[in-house]
Amino acid sequence: MTKNTHHDANRRNRLLASAHEEMVKFERKENEFRKKDREERAAELRLPLDEIKVH
């Protein structure tokens, strides 16, 4: 019984690690997309992003 519990815990930890890695990849792509979109909209409106602090 402890063997199955240990196996299940290992499997769960691997799945959680994999899910975390995928979430990090998604967040990185989302941040890049938002930055590019912000820059494109600023260029259309001719806004100086360097002078404005964007958080």
Protein backbone atom coordinates (compact mmCIF):
# COMPACT_ATOMS: atom_id res chain seq x y z
CA MET A 1 0.00 0.00 0.00
CA THR A 2 2.83 2.41 0.78
CA LYS A 3 4.42 1.49 -2.54
CA ASN A 4 1.33 2.62 -4.45
CA THR A 5 1.08 5.79 -2.38
CA HIS A 6 4.72 6.58 -3.09
CA HIS A 7 4.25 5.85 -6.80
CA ASP A 8 1.14 8.05 -6.92
CA ALA A 9 2.96 10.89 -5.17
CA ASN A 10 5.85 10.68 -7.63
CA ARG A 11 3.47 10.67 -10.58
CA ARG A 12 1.55 13.62 -9.15
CA ASN A 13 4.78 15.57 -8.61
CA ARG A 14 5.91 14.93 -12.19
CA LEU A 15 2.53 16.08 -13.51
CA LEU A 16 2.63 19.21 -11.36
CA ALA A 17 6.16 20.01 -12.54
CA SER A 18 5.12 19.55 -16.15
CA ALA A 19 2.04 21.75 -15.67
CA HIS A 20 4.19 24.41 -14.02
CA GLU A 21 6.65 24.40 -16.94
CA GLU A 22 3.81 24.76 -19.44
CA MET A 23 2.33 27.65 -17.44
CA VAL A 24 5.70 29.42 -17.38
CA LYS A 25 6.00 29.02 -21.17
CA PHE A 26 2.46 30.34 -21.65
CA GLU A 27 3.07 33.35 -19.39
CA ARG A 28 6.30 34.18 -21.21
CA LYS A 29 4.55 34.07 -24.60
CA GLU A 30 1.63 36.10 -23.24
CA ASN A 31 3.99 38.76 -21.87
CA GLU A 32 5.84 38.97 -25.19
CA PHE A 33 2.53 39.27 -27.05
CA ARG A 34 1.30 42.04 -24.73
CA LYS A 35 4.58 43.94 -25.05
CA LYS A 36 4.48 43.72 -28.85
CA ASP A 37 0.80 44.73 -28.92
CA ARG A 38 1.48 47.69 -26.59
CA GLU A 39 4.39 48.82 -28.79
CA GLU A 40 2.29 48.52 -31.96
CA ARG A 41 -0.59 50.52 -30.47
CA ALA A 42 1.85 53.16 -29.17
CA ALA A 43 3.39 53.43 -32.63
CA GLU A 44 -0.06 53.92 -34.18
CA LEU A 45 -0.86 56.64 -31.66
CA ARG A 46 2.70 57.99 -31.80
CA LEU A 47 3.16 57.70 -28.05
CA PRO A 48 6.68 57.80 -26.60
CA LEU A 49 6.84 54.60 -24.55
CA ASP A 50 10.37 55.34 -23.35
CA GLU A 51 9.15 58.35 -21.39
CA ILE A 52 6.10 56.57 -19.95
CA LYS A 53 6.65 53.98 -17.22
CA VAL A 54 4.73 50.86 -18.22
CA HIS A 55 4.14 48.29 -15.51
